[in-house]
PDB file of N, CA and C in Angstrom:
ATOM      1  N   MET A   1      50.136  73.612 245.514  1.00  0.00           N
ATOM      2  CA  MET A   1      49.554  75.338 245.178  1.00  0.00           C
ATOM      3  C   MET A   1      50.029  76.113 246.333  1.00  0.00           C
ATOM      4  N   ARG A   2      49.148  75.561 247.488  1.00  0.00           N
ATOM      5  CA  ARG A   2      49.391  75.678 248.918  1.00  0.00           C
ATOM      6  C   ARG A   2      51.001  76.614 248.724  1.00  0.00           C
ATOM      7  N   GLU A   3      51.749  75.468 248.621  1.00  0.00           N
ATOM      8  CA  GLU A   3      53.476  75.988 248.744  1.00  0.00           C
ATOM      9  C   GLU A   3      53.656  77.135 247.913  1.00  0.00           C
ATOM     10  N   ALA A   4      52.984  77.328 247.132  1.00  0.00           N
ATOM     11  CA  ALA A   4      53.437  78.445 245.689  1.00  0.00           C
ATOM     12  C   ALA A   4      52.691  79.975 246.232  1.00  0.00           C
ATOM     13  N   ILE A   5      51.776  79.792 247.282  1.00  0.00           N
ATOM     14  CA  ILE A   5      50.923  80.691 247.469  1.00  0.00           C
ATOM     15  C   ILE A   5      51.821  81.098 248.532  1.00  0.00           C
ATOM     16  N   GLU A   6      52.179  80.720 249.479  1.00  0.00           N
ATOM     17  CA  GLU A   6      52.821  80.920 250.951  1.00  0.00           C
ATOM     18  C   GLU A   6      54.012  81.370 250.483  1.00  0.00           C
ATOM     19  N   LYS A   7      54.384  80.995 249.418  1.00  0.00           N
ATOM     20  CA  LYS A   7      55.994  81.679 248.777  1.00  0.00           C
ATOM     21  C   LYS A   7      55.451  83.061 248.390  1.00  0.00           C
ATOM     22  N   VAL A   8      54.455  83.050 247.656  1.00  0.00           N
ATOM     23  CA  VAL A   8      54.599  84.721 247.151  1.00  0.00           C
ATOM     24  C   VAL A   8      53.999  85.299 248.051  1.00  0.00           C
ATOM     25  N   LEU A   9      53.198  85.044 249.611  1.00  0.00           N
ATOM     26  CA  LEU A   9      52.756  86.000 250.484  1.00  0.00           C
ATOM     27  C   LEU A   9      54.180  86.387 251.087  1.00  0.00           C
ATOM     28  N   THR A  10      54.930  85.604 251.393  1.00  0.00           N
ATOM     29  CA  THR A  10      56.404  85.526 252.589  1.00  0.00           C
ATOM     30  C   THR A  10      57.067  86.344 251.880  1.00  0.00           C
ATOM     31  N   GLU A  11      57.209  86.256 249.912  1.00  0.00           N
ATOM     32  CA  GLU A  11      58.564  86.594 249.817  1.00  0.00           C
ATOM     33  C   GLU A  11      57.912  87.900 248.851  1.00  0.00           C
ATOM     34  N   GLU A  12      56.607  88.586 248.497  1.00  0.00           N
ATOM     35  CA  GLU A  12      56.171  89.629 248.127  1.00  0.00           C
ATOM     36  C   GLU A  12      55.282  90.483 248.678  1.00  0.00           C
ATOM     37  N   VAL A  13      54.121  89.465 248.898  1.00  0.00           N
ATOM     38  CA  VAL A  13      52.918  90.841 249.745  1.00  0.00           C
ATOM     39  C   VAL A  13      53.432  91.120 251.435  1.00  0.00           C
ATOM     40  N   ASN A  14      53.765  89.744 252.023  1.00  0.00           N
ATOM     41  CA  ASN A  14      54.199  90.663 253.096  1.00  0.00           C
ATOM     42  C   ASN A  14      54.748  91.314 253.635  1.00  0.00           C
ATOM     43  N   PRO A  15      56.057  91.538 253.168  1.00  0.00           N
ATOM     44  CA  PRO A  15      57.271  92.910 253.476  1.00  0.00           C
ATOM     45  C   PRO A  15      56.549  93.714 253.038  1.00  0.00           C
ATOM     46  N   MET A  16      55.619  94.111 251.700  1.00  0.00           N
ATOM     47  CA  MET A  16      55.345  95.470 251.422  1.00  0.00           C
ATOM     48  C   MET A  16      54.297  95.708 252.533  1.00  0.00           C
ATOM     49  N   LEU A  17      53.175  95.005 253.186  1.00  0.00           N
ATOM     50  CA  LEU A  17      52.249  95.070 254.342  1.00  0.00           C
ATOM     51  C   LEU A  17      52.529  95.576 255.550  1.00  0.00           C
ATOM     52  N   SER A  18      54.017  94.661 255.559  1.00  0.00           N
ATOM     53  CA  SER A  18      54.578  95.212 256.937  1.00  0.00           C
ATOM     54  C   SER A  18      55.470  96.270 257.680  1.00  0.00           C
ATOM     55  N   MET A  19      55.333  97.350 256.042  1.00  0.00           N
ATOM     56  CA  MET A  19      55.277  99.000 256.490  1.00  0.00           C
ATOM     57  C   MET A  19      54.200  99.563 257.004  1.00  0.00           C
ATOM     58  N   HIS A  20      52.849  98.864 256.648  1.00  0.00           N
ATOM     59  CA  HIS A  20      52.122  99.446 257.395  1.00  0.00           C
ATOM     60  C   HIS A  20      51.652  98.362 258.552  1.00  0.00           C
ATOM     61  N   GLY A  21      52.352  97.842 258.942  1.00  0.00           N
ATOM     62  CA  GLY A  21      52.576  97.010 260.412  1.00  0.00           C
ATOM     63  C   GLY A  21      51.206  96.155 260.305  1.00  0.00           C
ATOM     64  N   GLY A  22      51.098  95.648 259.087  1.00  0.00           N
ATOM     65  CA  GLY A  22      50.072  94.322 259.024  1.00  0.00           C
ATOM     66  C   GLY A  22      50.959  93.136 257.946  1.00  0.00           C
ATOM     67  N   GLY A  23      50.269  92.336 257.862  1.00  0.00           N
ATOM     68  CA  GLY A  23      50.438  90.839 257.479  1.00  0.00           C
ATOM     69  C   GLY A  23      49.226  90.438 256.485  1.00  0.00           C
ATOM     70  N   VAL A  24      49.564  89.135 256.105  1.00  0.00           N
ATOM     71  CA  VAL A  24      48.082  88.411 255.593  1.00  0.00           C
ATOM     72  C   VAL A  24      48.707  86.764 255.861  1.00  0.00           C
ATOM     73  N   GLU A  25      47.834  86.257 256.292  1.00  0.00           N
ATOM     74  CA  GLU A  25      48.204  84.569 256.288  1.00  0.00           C
ATOM     75  C   GLU A  25      47.073  83.997 254.927  1.00  0.00           C
ATOM     76  N   LEU A  26      47.408  82.578 254.992  1.00  0.00           N
ATOM     77  CA  LEU A  26      47.102  81.632 254.045  1.00  0.00           C
ATOM     78  C   LEU A  26      46.385  81.114 255.038  1.00  0.00           C
ATOM     79  N   VAL A  27      44.818  80.679 254.919  1.00  0.00           N
ATOM     80  CA  VAL A  27      44.004  80.276 255.990  1.00  0.00           C
ATOM     81  C   VAL A  27      43.789  78.830 255.506  1.00  0.00           C
ATOM     82  N   GLU A  28      43.324  78.569 254.046  1.00  0.00           N
ATOM     83  CA  GLU A  28      43.082  77.346 253.127  1.00  0.00           C
ATOM     84  C   GLU A  28      42.930  77.425 252.137  1.00  0.00           C
ATOM     85  N   VAL A  29      43.052  76.712 250.955  1.00  0.00           N
ATOM     86  CA  VAL A  29      43.075  76.235 249.229  1.00  0.00           C
ATOM     87  C   VAL A  29      41.926  75.524 249.617  1.00  0.00           C
ATOM     88  N   THR A  30      40.684  75.956 248.700  1.00  0.00           N
ATOM     89  CA  THR A  30      39.817  75.092 248.384  1.00  0.00           C
ATOM     90  C   THR A  30      40.335  74.197 246.908  1.00  0.00           C
ATOM     91  N   ASP A  31      39.598  73.216 246.753  1.00  0.00           N
ATOM     92  CA  ASP A  31      39.641  72.481 245.583  1.00  0.00           C
ATOM     93  C   ASP A  31      39.179  73.148 244.038  1.00  0.00           C
ATOM     94  N   GLU A  32      38.444  74.708 244.526  1.00  0.00           N
ATOM     95  CA  GLU A  32      37.921  75.008 243.443  1.00  0.00           C
ATOM     96  C   GLU A  32      38.919  76.304 242.923  1.00  0.00           C
ATOM     97  N   GLY A  33      40.229  76.155 243.522  1.00  0.00           N
ATOM     98  CA  GLY A  33      40.774  77.327 243.126  1.00  0.00           C
ATOM     99  C   GLY A  33      40.682  78.738 243.936  1.00  0.00           C
ATOM    100  N   VAL A  34      40.021  78.757 245.214  1.00  0.00           N
ATOM    101  CA  VAL A  34      39.673  79.511 245.992  1.00  0.00           C
ATOM    102  C   VAL A  34      41.325  79.686 246.911  1.00  0.00           C
ATOM    103  N   ALA A  35      41.520  80.774 247.661  1.00  0.00           N
ATOM    104  CA  ALA A  35      42.573  80.946 248.222  1.00  0.00           C
ATOM    105  C   ALA A  35      42.030  81.854 249.659  1.00  0.00           C
ATOM    106  N   LYS A  36      42.085  81.126 250.399  1.00  0.00           N
ATOM    107  CA  LYS A  36      41.066  81.911 251.158  1.00  0.00           C
ATOM    108  C   LYS A  36      42.483  82.274 252.409  1.00  0.00           C
ATOM    109  N   VAL A  37      42.900  83.854 252.970  1.00  0.00           N
ATOM    110  CA  VAL A  37      43.291  84.441 253.730  1.00  0.00           C
ATOM    111  C   VAL A  37      42.622  85.636 254.818  1.00  0.00           C
ATOM    112  N   ARG A  38      43.687  85.655 255.412  1.00  0.00           N
ATOM    113  CA  ARG A  38      43.053  86.264 256.652  1.00  0.00           C
ATOM    114  C   ARG A  38      44.394  87.831 257.006  1.00  0.00           C
ATOM    115  N   LEU A  39      44.388  88.820 256.962  1.00  0.00           N
ATOM    116  CA  LEU A  39      44.696  89.836 257.519  1.00  0.00           C
ATOM    117  C   LEU A  39      44.830  89.887 258.561  1.00  0.00           C
ATOM    118  N   VAL A  40      46.436  90.199 259.234  1.00  0.00           N
ATOM    119  CA  VAL A  40      46.561  90.251 260.699  1.00  0.00           C
ATOM    120  C   VAL A  40      47.169  92.072 260.929  1.00  0.00           C
ATOM    121  N   GLY A  41      47.749  92.268 261.862  1.00  0.00           N
ATOM    122  CA  GLY A  41      48.292  93.109 262.268  1.00  0.00           C
ATOM    123  C   GLY A  41      47.134  94.246 262.080  1.00  0.00           C
ATOM    124  N   GLY A  42      48.297  95.435 261.807  1.00  0.00           N
ATOM    125  CA  GLY A  42      47.494  96.980 261.304  1.00  0.00           C
ATOM    126  C   GLY A  42      46.790  96.489 260.238  1.00  0.00           C
ATOM    127  N   CYS A  43      46.561  95.520 259.564  1.00  0.00           N
ATOM    128  CA  CYS A  43      45.935  95.426 258.028  1.00  0.00           C
ATOM    129  C   CYS A  43      44.274  95.072 258.582  1.00  0.00           C
ATOM    130  N   CYS A  44      43.924  94.262 259.850  1.00  0.00           N
ATOM    131  CA  CYS A  44      42.969  93.941 260.436  1.00  0.00           C
ATOM    132  C   CYS A  44      42.285  95.067 260.747  1.00  0.00           C
ATOM    133  N   GLY A  45      40.963  95.249 260.165  1.00  0.00           N
ATOM    134  CA  GLY A  45      40.195  95.939 260.520  1.00  0.00           C
ATOM    135  C   GLY A  45      40.746  97.449 259.591  1.00  0.00           C
ATOM    136  N   CYS A  46      41.136  97.236 258.658  1.00  0.00           N
ATOM    137  CA  CYS A  46      41.667  98.810 258.254  1.00  0.00           C
ATOM    138  C   CYS A  46      40.455  99.275 257.054  1.00  0.00           C
ATOM    139  N   PRO A  47      39.915 100.226 256.578  1.00  0.00           N
ATOM    140  CA  PRO A  47      38.969 100.654 256.058  1.00  0.00           C
ATOM    141  C   PRO A  47      39.602 100.373 254.629  1.00  0.00           C
ATOM    142  N   SER A  48      40.799  99.995 254.742  1.00  0.00           N
ATOM    143  CA  SER A  48      41.253  99.888 252.879  1.00  0.00           C
ATOM    144  C   SER A  48      41.685  98.002 252.947  1.00  0.00           C
ATOM    145  N   ALA A  49      40.890  97.691 253.634  1.00  0.00           N
ATOM    146  CA  ALA A  49      40.998  95.852 253.886  1.00  0.00           C
ATOM    147  C   ALA A  49      40.735  95.412 252.646  1.00  0.00           C
ATOM    148  N   GLN A  50      39.826  96.002 252.125  1.00  0.00           N
ATOM    149  CA  GLN A  50      39.128  94.824 250.724  1.00  0.00           C
ATOM    150  C   GLN A  50      39.829  95.567 249.650  1.00  0.00           C
ATOM    151  N   ALA A  51      40.368  96.761 248.891  1.00  0.00           N
ATOM    152  CA  ALA A  51      41.236  96.719 248.564  1.00  0.00           C
ATOM    153  C   ALA A  51      42.452  96.423 248.253  1.00  0.00           C
ATOM    154  N   THR A  52      42.735  96.091 249.670  1.00  0.00           N
ATOM    155  CA  THR A  52      44.396  95.187 249.700  1.00  0.00           C
ATOM    156  C   THR A  52      43.871  93.964 249.176  1.00  0.00           C
ATOM    157  N   ILE A  53      42.964  93.451 249.537  1.00  0.00           N
ATOM    158  CA  ILE A  53      43.338  91.813 249.405  1.00  0.00           C
ATOM    159  C   ILE A  53      42.581  91.878 248.032  1.00  0.00           C
ATOM    160  N   THR A  54      42.292  92.444 247.485  1.00  0.00           N
ATOM    161  CA  THR A  54      41.770  92.776 245.998  1.00  0.00           C
ATOM    162  C   THR A  54      42.708  92.872 245.023  1.00  0.00           C
ATOM    163  N   GLN A  55      43.561  94.243 245.512  1.00  0.00           N
ATOM    164  CA  GLN A  55      44.472  94.530 244.419  1.00  0.00           C
ATOM    165  C   GLN A  55      46.157  93.759 244.789  1.00  0.00           C
ATOM    166  N   VAL A  56      46.271  93.990 245.683  1.00  0.00           N
ATOM    167  CA  VAL A  56      47.715  93.839 246.273  1.00  0.00           C
ATOM    168  C   VAL A  56      47.850  92.123 246.594  1.00  0.00           C
ATOM    169  N   VAL A  57      47.264  91.922 247.545  1.00  0.00           N
ATOM    170  CA  VAL A  57      47.111  90.106 247.901  1.00  0.00           C
ATOM    171  C   VAL A  57      46.692  89.158 246.449  1.00  0.00           C
ATOM    172  N   GLU A  58      45.426  89.367 246.088  1.00  0.00           N
ATOM    173  CA  GLU A  58      44.753  88.453 245.007  1.00  0.00           C
ATOM    174  C   GLU A  58      45.904  89.027 243.563  1.00  0.00           C
ATOM    175  N   GLY A  59      46.160  90.043 243.407  1.00  0.00           N
ATOM    176  CA  GLY A  59      47.067  90.251 242.019  1.00  0.00           C
ATOM    177  C   GLY A  59      48.080  89.833 242.041  1.00  0.00           C
ATOM    178  N   ALA A  60      48.867  89.909 243.008  1.00  0.00           N
ATOM    179  CA  ALA A  60      50.267  89.320 243.420  1.00  0.00           C
ATOM    180  C   ALA A  60      49.917  87.336 243.050  1.00  0.00           C
ATOM    181  N   ILE A  61      49.221  87.016 243.968  1.00  0.00           N
ATOM    182  CA  ILE A  61      48.767  84.940 243.576  1.00  0.00           C
ATOM    183  C   ILE A  61      48.469  84.977 242.478  1.00  0.00           C
ATOM    184  N   LYS A  62      47.753  85.908 242.091  1.00  0.00           N
ATOM    185  CA  LYS A  62      46.808  84.719 240.465  1.00  0.00           C
ATOM    186  C   LYS A  62      48.274  85.640 239.518  1.00  0.00           C
ATOM    187  N   ALA A  63      49.481  86.163 239.790  1.00  0.00           N
ATOM    188  CA  ALA A  63      50.026  86.811 238.596  1.00  0.00           C
ATOM    189  C   ALA A  63      51.085  85.395 238.607  1.00  0.00           C
ATOM    190  N   LYS A  64      51.290  84.794 240.138  1.00  0.00           N
ATOM    191  CA  LYS A  64      52.626  84.263 240.257  1.00  0.00           C
ATOM    192  C   LYS A  64      51.957  82.608 240.073  1.00  0.00           C
ATOM    193  N   VAL A  65      50.727  82.101 240.836  1.00  0.00           N
ATOM    194  CA  VAL A  65      50.443  80.839 240.843  1.00  0.00           C
ATOM    195  C   VAL A  65      48.755  80.364 240.262  1.00  0.00           C
ATOM    196  N   PRO A  66      49.635  79.555 238.911  1.00  0.00           N
ATOM    197  CA  PRO A  66      48.085  79.005 237.995  1.00  0.00           C
ATOM    198  C   PRO A  66      47.345  78.559 238.358  1.00  0.00           C
ATOM    199  N   GLY A  67      46.339  78.603 238.264  1.00  0.00           N
ATOM    200  CA  GLY A  67      44.972  77.764 238.949  1.00  0.00           C
ATOM    201  C   GLY A  67      44.216  78.533 240.147  1.00  0.00           C
ATOM    202  N   VAL A  68      44.890  79.755 240.805  1.00  0.00           N
ATOM    203  CA  VAL A  68      43.976  80.303 241.572  1.00  0.00           C
ATOM    204  C   VAL A  68      43.028  81.319 240.725  1.00  0.00           C
ATOM    205  N   LYS A  69      41.826  81.417 241.021  1.00  0.00           N
ATOM    206  CA  LYS A  69      40.529  81.737 240.475  1.00  0.00           C
ATOM    207  C   LYS A  69      40.319  82.959 241.324  1.00  0.00           C
ATOM    208  N   LYS A  70      40.491  82.837 242.646  1.00  0.00           N
ATOM    209  CA  LYS A  70      40.015  83.641 243.432  1.00  0.00           C
ATOM    210  C   LYS A  70      40.552  84.034 244.602  1.00  0.00           C
ATOM    211  N   VAL A  71      40.398  85.125 245.614  1.00  0.00           N
ATOM    212  CA  VAL A  71      41.337  85.269 246.907  1.00  0.00           C
ATOM    213  C   VAL A  71      40.220  85.937 247.692  1.00  0.00           C
ATOM    214  N   GLU A  72      39.493  85.378 248.704  1.00  0.00           N
ATOM    215  CA  GLU A  72      38.636  85.674 249.885  1.00  0.00           C
ATOM    216  C   GLU A  72      39.661  86.761 251.540  1.00  0.00           C
ATOM    217  N   ALA A  73      38.584  87.077 251.816  1.00  0.00           N
ATOM    218  CA  ALA A  73      39.574  87.278 253.009  1.00  0.00           C
ATOM    219  C   ALA A  73      38.280  86.075 253.960  1.00  0.00           C
ATOM    220  N   VAL A  74      38.786  85.848 254.995  1.00  0.00           N
ATOM    221  CA  VAL A  74      37.991  85.344 255.786  1.00  0.00           C
ATOM    222  C   VAL A  74      38.380  85.939 257.227  1.00  0.00           C
TER     223      VAL A  74
END
């Protein structure tokens, strides 16, 4: 599952976030299907960070990786 999530982040999410000077990296995937991610660069501390996690990152991961139940920022 980790490899599939990293592929989504690399191919879909990070190119979009890089337009704003930011990105996201995978920290951990729990046995319960929770992907823990960290925003980096311009996304770190951005007022829209929570919306980015839920709408962009979680949406892309859940659409492509079965078994992911939730995405959390750490």
